N, C-alpha and C. Protein backbone atom coordinates (compact mmCIF):
# COMPACT_ATOMS: atom_id res chain seq x y z
N MET A 1 104.22 68.30 97.73
CA MET A 1 104.47 70.00 97.52
C MET A 1 103.15 70.54 98.34
N SER A 2 103.06 71.82 98.86
CA SER A 2 102.24 72.31 99.31
C SER A 2 101.45 73.28 98.21
N LYS A 3 100.15 74.15 99.24
CA LYS A 3 99.36 74.57 98.17
C LYS A 3 99.89 76.07 98.51
N PRO A 4 99.74 76.79 97.40
CA PRO A 4 99.85 78.24 97.84
C PRO A 4 99.16 78.84 98.62
N ASP A 5 99.89 79.99 99.67
CA ASP A 5 99.01 80.13 100.65
C ASP A 5 97.71 81.05 100.42
N THR A 6 97.59 81.84 99.42
CA THR A 6 96.00 82.75 99.01
C THR A 6 96.10 82.17 97.49
N LYS A 7 94.97 82.72 97.04
CA LYS A 7 94.17 83.08 95.77
C LYS A 7 93.90 84.19 96.06
N LYS A 8 94.11 85.27 95.04
CA LYS A 8 93.54 86.74 94.86
C LYS A 8 93.05 86.81 93.58
N LEU A 9 92.25 87.68 93.58
CA LEU A 9 91.33 88.34 92.22
C LEU A 9 91.38 89.74 92.71
N VAL A 10 91.32 90.53 91.51
CA VAL A 10 91.30 91.98 91.82
C VAL A 10 90.50 92.57 90.81
N LEU A 11 89.36 93.08 91.09
CA LEU A 11 88.10 93.30 90.07
C LEU A 11 87.93 95.02 90.17
N ASP A 12 87.56 95.67 88.85
CA ASP A 12 87.46 97.14 88.82
C ASP A 12 86.03 96.91 89.58
N SER A 13 85.29 98.18 89.51
CA SER A 13 84.01 98.35 89.74
C SER A 13 83.05 98.16 88.67
N LYS A 14 83.09 97.43 88.10
CA LYS A 14 81.84 97.31 86.87
C LYS A 14 81.21 96.32 86.98
N PHE A 15 80.14 96.08 86.71
CA PHE A 15 79.50 94.67 86.73
C PHE A 15 79.53 93.63 86.14
N GLU A 16 80.37 94.03 84.52
CA GLU A 16 80.97 93.14 84.03
C GLU A 16 82.00 91.95 84.42
N GLU A 17 82.72 92.61 85.39
CA GLU A 17 83.82 91.95 86.37
C GLU A 17 82.80 90.98 87.11
N MET A 18 81.76 90.89 87.22
CA MET A 18 81.45 89.70 88.25
C MET A 18 81.38 88.47 87.11
N GLU A 19 81.82 88.58 86.07
CA GLU A 19 81.94 87.23 84.95
C GLU A 19 83.27 86.47 85.30
N ARG A 20 84.32 87.09 86.11
CA ARG A 20 85.44 86.72 86.13
C ARG A 20 85.02 85.94 87.71
N LEU A 21 83.82 85.69 88.63
CA LEU A 21 83.55 84.95 89.50
C LEU A 21 83.78 83.58 89.50
N GLU A 22 82.93 83.56 88.50
CA GLU A 22 83.00 81.80 88.20
C GLU A 22 84.39 80.92 87.87
N PRO A 23 85.36 81.68 86.74
CA PRO A 23 86.80 80.77 86.67
C PRO A 23 87.56 81.31 88.15
N PHE A 24 87.35 81.98 88.69
CA PHE A 24 88.03 82.17 90.30
C PHE A 24 87.51 81.09 91.09
N ILE A 25 86.07 80.89 91.29
CA ILE A 25 85.21 80.00 91.97
C ILE A 25 85.81 78.33 91.29
N ASN A 26 85.85 78.33 90.00
CA ASN A 26 86.58 77.02 89.65
C ASN A 26 87.75 76.33 90.13
N GLU A 27 88.83 77.72 89.79
CA GLU A 27 89.96 77.80 90.30
C GLU A 27 90.27 77.02 91.91
N LEU A 28 89.05 77.73 92.80
CA LEU A 28 89.36 77.45 94.40
C LEU A 28 88.75 75.73 94.27
N LYS A 29 87.99 75.71 93.47
CA LYS A 29 87.45 73.93 93.42
C LYS A 29 88.52 73.18 93.61
N GLY A 30 89.72 73.46 92.71
CA GLY A 30 90.54 72.45 92.74
C GLY A 30 91.88 72.70 93.70
N TRP A 31 91.85 73.81 93.67
CA TRP A 31 92.82 74.23 94.94
C TRP A 31 92.38 73.72 96.36
N ALA A 32 91.26 74.04 96.68
CA ALA A 32 90.67 73.34 97.90
C ALA A 32 90.24 71.92 98.17
N ASP A 33 89.91 71.48 96.88
CA ASP A 33 88.99 70.30 96.76
C ASP A 33 87.56 70.63 96.90
N VAL A 34 86.76 71.84 96.82
CA VAL A 34 85.72 72.01 96.94
C VAL A 34 84.72 71.25 96.04
N ASP A 35 83.82 70.78 96.76
CA ASP A 35 82.62 69.74 96.16
C ASP A 35 81.28 70.56 95.12
N ASP A 36 80.59 70.16 94.68
CA ASP A 36 79.70 71.24 93.80
C ASP A 36 78.66 71.49 94.88
N GLU A 37 78.31 70.99 95.70
CA GLU A 37 77.54 71.47 96.99
C GLU A 37 78.07 72.99 97.75
N ASN A 38 79.20 72.69 98.15
CA ASN A 38 80.09 73.70 98.44
C ASN A 38 80.28 75.11 97.89
N SER A 39 80.57 74.64 96.83
CA SER A 39 80.87 75.06 95.30
C SER A 39 79.93 76.44 95.19
N SER A 40 78.28 75.97 95.32
CA SER A 40 77.37 76.62 94.92
C SER A 40 76.96 77.20 95.67
N ARG A 41 77.53 77.17 97.12
CA ARG A 41 77.11 78.24 98.14
C ARG A 41 78.07 79.32 98.50
N ILE A 42 79.15 78.94 97.89
CA ILE A 42 80.60 79.73 98.06
C ILE A 42 80.19 81.15 96.72
N MET A 43 79.78 80.24 95.50
CA MET A 43 79.52 81.29 94.22
C MET A 43 78.22 82.29 94.92
N LEU A 44 77.40 82.02 95.55
CA LEU A 44 76.01 82.44 96.25
C LEU A 44 76.62 83.65 96.69
N ALA A 45 77.40 83.16 98.34
CA ALA A 45 77.98 84.21 98.69
C ALA A 45 78.80 85.15 98.34
N LEU A 46 79.50 84.66 97.44
CA LEU A 46 80.69 85.49 96.90
C LEU A 46 80.14 87.01 96.04
N SER A 47 79.15 86.35 95.15
CA SER A 47 78.41 86.97 94.18
C SER A 47 77.85 88.23 95.02
N GLU A 48 77.21 87.97 95.99
CA GLU A 48 76.41 88.86 96.66
C GLU A 48 77.48 89.95 97.58
N ALA A 49 78.57 89.23 97.83
CA ALA A 49 79.61 90.33 98.77
C ALA A 49 80.16 91.08 97.53
N VAL A 50 80.39 90.75 96.49
CA VAL A 50 81.15 91.51 95.39
C VAL A 50 80.44 92.41 94.80
N ASN A 51 79.56 92.25 94.63
CA ASN A 51 77.88 92.99 93.97
C ASN A 51 78.12 94.25 95.09
N ASN A 52 77.74 93.93 96.30
CA ASN A 52 77.70 95.03 97.43
C ASN A 52 78.79 95.97 97.44
N ALA A 53 79.85 94.98 97.39
CA ALA A 53 81.26 96.02 97.23
C ALA A 53 81.39 97.05 95.97
N ILE A 54 80.80 96.45 94.70
CA ILE A 54 80.83 97.32 93.75
C ILE A 54 80.00 98.27 93.67
N ILE A 55 78.74 98.01 94.30
CA ILE A 55 77.45 98.79 94.32
C ILE A 55 77.55 99.85 95.60
N HIS A 56 77.68 99.19 96.99
CA HIS A 56 77.50 100.18 97.89
C HIS A 56 78.70 100.88 98.41
N GLY A 57 79.64 99.61 98.20
CA GLY A 57 81.14 100.07 98.74
C GLY A 57 81.96 100.94 97.69
N ASN A 58 81.85 101.10 96.86
CA ASN A 58 82.80 101.78 95.52
C ASN A 58 81.79 102.23 94.51
N ASN A 59 80.21 102.75 95.19
CA ASN A 59 79.43 103.09 94.08
C ASN A 59 79.68 103.17 92.83
N GLU A 60 80.21 101.94 91.90
CA GLU A 60 80.06 101.65 91.00
C GLU A 60 80.86 102.68 90.08
N ASP A 61 82.49 103.30 91.00
CA ASP A 61 83.37 103.85 90.51
C ASP A 61 84.54 102.63 89.73
N PRO A 62 84.52 103.03 88.33
CA PRO A 62 85.28 101.84 87.63
C PRO A 62 86.97 102.21 88.06
N LYS A 63 87.07 103.50 88.92
CA LYS A 63 88.50 103.43 89.25
C LYS A 63 88.88 102.88 90.54
N LYS A 64 87.71 102.48 90.89
CA LYS A 64 88.16 101.54 92.09
C LYS A 64 88.14 100.64 92.22
N GLN A 65 88.55 99.43 92.97
CA GLN A 65 88.89 97.77 92.73
C GLN A 65 88.05 97.51 94.16
N VAL A 66 87.94 96.37 93.82
CA VAL A 66 87.21 95.08 94.70
C VAL A 66 88.22 93.83 94.77
N VAL A 67 88.76 93.80 95.67
CA VAL A 67 90.19 92.93 96.04
C VAL A 67 89.31 91.58 96.72
N VAL A 68 89.37 90.16 96.05
CA VAL A 68 88.95 89.03 96.79
C VAL A 68 90.40 88.12 97.07
N LEU A 69 90.20 88.20 98.13
CA LEU A 69 91.49 87.54 98.75
C LEU A 69 91.12 86.18 99.35
N SER A 70 91.68 84.72 98.67
CA SER A 70 90.80 83.68 99.66
C SER A 70 92.10 82.88 100.11
N THR A 71 92.13 82.49 101.50
CA THR A 71 92.96 81.46 101.86
C THR A 71 92.77 80.23 102.28
N PHE A 72 93.17 79.25 102.29
CA PHE A 72 92.88 77.83 102.55
C PHE A 72 93.36 77.17 103.94
N ASP A 73 92.81 76.39 105.03
CA ASP A 73 93.54 75.99 106.08
C ASP A 73 93.46 74.18 105.79
N GLU A 74 94.20 73.85 105.17
CA GLU A 74 94.27 72.38 104.66
C GLU A 74 93.71 71.27 105.63
N GLU A 75 94.41 71.75 106.73
CA GLU A 75 94.09 70.70 108.24
C GLU A 75 92.88 70.95 108.47
N ASN A 76 92.26 72.14 108.57
CA ASN A 76 91.05 72.17 109.07
C ASN A 76 89.85 72.15 108.08
N ARG A 77 90.02 72.16 107.12
CA ARG A 77 89.27 72.25 105.40
C ARG A 77 88.25 73.66 105.71
N VAL A 78 89.11 74.46 105.87
CA VAL A 78 88.26 75.77 106.46
C VAL A 78 89.25 77.17 104.92
N LEU A 79 87.95 77.23 104.03
CA LEU A 79 88.27 78.37 103.48
C LEU A 79 87.85 79.50 103.69
N THR A 80 88.41 80.71 103.50
CA THR A 80 88.15 82.07 104.30
C THR A 80 88.48 82.87 102.69
N ILE A 81 87.32 83.69 102.62
CA ILE A 81 87.23 84.55 101.14
C ILE A 81 87.16 85.79 101.85
N SER A 82 87.82 86.84 101.66
CA SER A 82 87.87 88.37 101.86
C SER A 82 87.26 89.26 100.85
N VAL A 83 86.28 90.20 100.99
CA VAL A 83 85.85 90.99 99.91
C VAL A 83 85.98 92.10 100.58
N GLU A 84 87.20 93.43 99.72
CA GLU A 84 87.25 94.26 100.16
C GLU A 84 87.16 95.66 99.18
N ASP A 85 86.70 96.29 99.48
CA ASP A 85 86.06 97.70 98.76
C ASP A 85 86.84 98.92 99.36
N GLU A 86 86.95 99.77 98.44
CA GLU A 86 87.89 101.49 98.58
C GLU A 86 86.80 102.06 99.25
N GLY A 87 85.41 101.96 99.56
CA GLY A 87 84.64 102.53 100.08
C GLY A 87 84.62 103.19 101.72
N GLU A 88 83.94 104.02 102.17
CA GLU A 88 83.99 104.54 103.35
C GLU A 88 83.53 103.30 104.50
N GLY A 89 82.95 102.16 103.94
CA GLY A 89 82.43 101.36 104.90
C GLY A 89 80.99 101.58 105.53
N PHE A 90 80.78 100.65 106.21
CA PHE A 90 79.35 101.00 106.82
C PHE A 90 79.17 100.29 108.17
N ASP A 91 77.95 99.93 108.88
CA ASP A 91 77.68 99.67 110.10
C ASP A 91 76.79 98.48 109.97
N PRO A 92 77.22 97.28 109.61
CA PRO A 92 76.33 95.96 109.47
C PRO A 92 75.09 95.68 110.41
N GLU A 93 75.09 96.53 111.77
CA GLU A 93 74.34 96.43 112.73
C GLU A 93 72.70 97.25 112.25
N GLU A 94 73.45 98.35 111.36
CA GLU A 94 72.21 99.04 111.17
C GLU A 94 71.62 98.58 109.58
N ILE A 95 71.93 97.52 108.96
CA ILE A 95 71.10 96.75 108.01
C ILE A 95 69.63 96.55 108.15
N PRO A 96 68.86 97.29 107.78
CA PRO A 96 67.54 96.65 108.22
C PRO A 96 67.11 94.96 107.87
N ASP A 97 66.31 94.51 108.99
CA ASP A 97 66.05 93.16 108.59
C ASP A 97 65.25 93.05 107.45
N PRO A 98 65.61 92.13 106.31
CA PRO A 98 64.70 92.08 105.42
C PRO A 98 63.75 91.21 105.44
N LEU A 99 63.72 90.30 106.60
CA LEU A 99 62.60 89.39 106.68
C LEU A 99 61.75 90.48 107.21
N LYS A 100 61.57 91.47 107.95
CA LYS A 100 60.70 92.21 108.23
C LYS A 100 59.50 92.47 107.58
N GLU A 101 58.25 92.95 107.83
CA GLU A 101 57.30 93.07 106.79
C GLU A 101 57.34 93.95 106.17
N GLU A 102 57.68 95.01 106.87
CA GLU A 102 57.76 96.63 106.00
C GLU A 102 59.15 96.45 104.96
N ASN A 103 60.13 95.60 105.19
CA ASN A 103 61.19 95.36 104.04
C ASN A 103 60.88 94.05 103.03
N LEU A 104 59.89 93.16 103.22
CA LEU A 104 59.61 92.54 102.23
C LEU A 104 59.38 92.78 100.76
N LEU A 105 59.11 93.50 100.26
CA LEU A 105 58.46 94.09 98.92
C LEU A 105 60.29 94.90 98.27
N ASN A 106 61.23 95.33 99.30
CA ASN A 106 62.47 96.32 99.11
C ASN A 106 63.16 95.71 97.94
N GLU A 107 63.76 96.59 96.76
CA GLU A 107 64.59 95.74 95.89
C GLU A 107 65.65 95.17 96.26
N SER A 108 66.12 95.73 97.40
CA SER A 108 67.98 95.56 97.80
C SER A 108 67.68 95.63 99.26
N GLY A 109 68.66 94.96 99.78
CA GLY A 109 68.90 94.87 101.55
C GLY A 109 68.92 93.42 101.57
N ARG A 110 68.87 92.51 100.87
CA ARG A 110 69.01 90.94 101.37
C ARG A 110 70.49 90.32 101.22
N GLY A 111 71.24 91.08 100.53
CA GLY A 111 72.88 90.70 100.05
C GLY A 111 73.35 90.08 101.71
N VAL A 112 73.59 90.86 102.34
CA VAL A 112 74.07 90.59 104.36
C VAL A 112 73.44 89.25 104.32
N TYR A 113 72.23 89.40 104.39
CA TYR A 113 71.40 88.36 105.09
C TYR A 113 71.33 87.19 104.23
N LEU A 114 71.63 86.83 102.79
CA LEU A 114 72.17 85.82 102.05
C LEU A 114 73.26 85.10 102.28
N ILE A 115 74.35 86.22 102.36
CA ILE A 115 75.72 85.58 102.65
C ILE A 115 75.45 84.87 104.14
N LYS A 116 75.05 85.26 104.83
CA LYS A 116 75.03 84.44 106.16
C LYS A 116 74.29 83.39 106.35
N GLN A 117 73.27 83.23 105.07
CA GLN A 117 72.43 81.87 104.86
C GLN A 117 73.43 80.72 104.48
N TYR A 118 74.21 81.19 103.42
CA TYR A 118 75.29 80.57 102.57
C TYR A 118 76.24 79.98 103.01
N ALA A 119 77.09 81.04 104.19
CA ALA A 119 78.63 80.54 104.59
C ALA A 119 78.11 80.46 106.09
N ASP A 120 79.09 80.08 106.53
CA ASP A 120 79.52 79.47 108.00
C ASP A 120 79.36 80.62 109.22
N GLU A 121 80.38 81.73 108.45
CA GLU A 121 80.27 82.88 109.55
C GLU A 121 80.66 84.20 108.68
N LEU A 122 80.28 85.35 109.24
CA LEU A 122 80.70 86.05 108.22
C LEU A 122 80.85 87.17 109.24
N GLN A 123 82.02 87.99 108.70
CA GLN A 123 82.76 89.12 109.68
C GLN A 123 82.93 90.44 108.76
N PHE A 124 82.89 91.64 109.41
CA PHE A 124 82.89 92.76 108.86
C PHE A 124 84.33 93.23 109.62
N SER A 125 85.25 94.24 109.02
CA SER A 125 86.37 94.72 109.09
C SER A 125 86.69 95.71 108.67
N LYS A 126 87.50 97.06 109.09
CA LYS A 126 87.76 97.88 108.48
C LYS A 126 86.80 99.03 108.10
N GLY A 127 85.56 98.87 109.23
CA GLY A 127 84.84 99.80 108.91
C GLY A 127 83.42 99.45 108.13
N GLY A 128 83.71 98.14 107.75
CA GLY A 128 82.49 97.63 107.09
C GLY A 128 82.78 97.67 105.19
N SER A 129 84.00 97.95 105.32
CA SER A 129 84.32 97.95 103.79
C SER A 129 84.99 96.65 103.78
N LYS A 130 85.22 95.85 104.52
CA LYS A 130 86.12 94.18 104.31
C LYS A 130 85.15 93.67 104.77
N ALA A 131 84.71 92.05 104.31
CA ALA A 131 83.82 91.27 104.31
C ALA A 131 84.64 90.12 104.47
N THR A 132 84.40 89.14 105.39
CA THR A 132 85.56 87.86 105.39
C THR A 132 84.43 86.94 105.82
N ILE A 133 84.59 85.96 104.78
CA ILE A 133 83.51 84.80 104.61
C ILE A 133 83.87 83.56 104.72
N ILE A 134 83.23 83.02 105.87
CA ILE A 134 84.44 81.58 105.96
C ILE A 134 83.10 80.57 105.88
N PHE A 135 83.90 79.37 105.15
CA PHE A 135 83.34 77.98 104.59
C PHE A 135 83.95 77.15 105.27
N GLN A 136 83.26 76.44 106.21
CA GLN A 136 83.76 75.11 106.87
C GLN A 136 83.34 74.15 105.85
N LEU A 137 84.48 73.28 105.08
CA LEU A 137 84.20 72.41 104.07
C LEU A 137 84.55 71.12 104.88
N GLU A 138 83.50 70.20 104.17
CA GLU A 138 83.45 68.72 104.58
C GLU A 138 84.77 68.08 104.48
N SER A 139 85.20 67.19 105.36
CA SER A 139 86.74 66.35 105.08
C SER A 139 86.25 64.86 104.44
């Protein structure tokens, strides 16, 4: 029997919704046979992406939603997770480098950098309102 093509999670733009990520990732663990190490990096990257979508994308408007959609390529062991908000988007090229000295003490601005560190690939589309995070899982 084949696995379903996608797993979807729809969140309201409220911080309490972040609590729903861990059960979702636990579901992905069984669905895509994700080990603990990969599960941790998925949790960190997805938490940052959803947090950014709630705060920066949807401006914490509880009437707006964040849609998390995952697909799994079983043959190539690739897990792809997209996080899409209802905001106006942004230009990822304009994000200040969090490692530059003038940005080191900033309280925010590290989310995209952290996602890039934990994921194998990060792509933006829909004017920056959709982040696609790709994880190459070991076979």
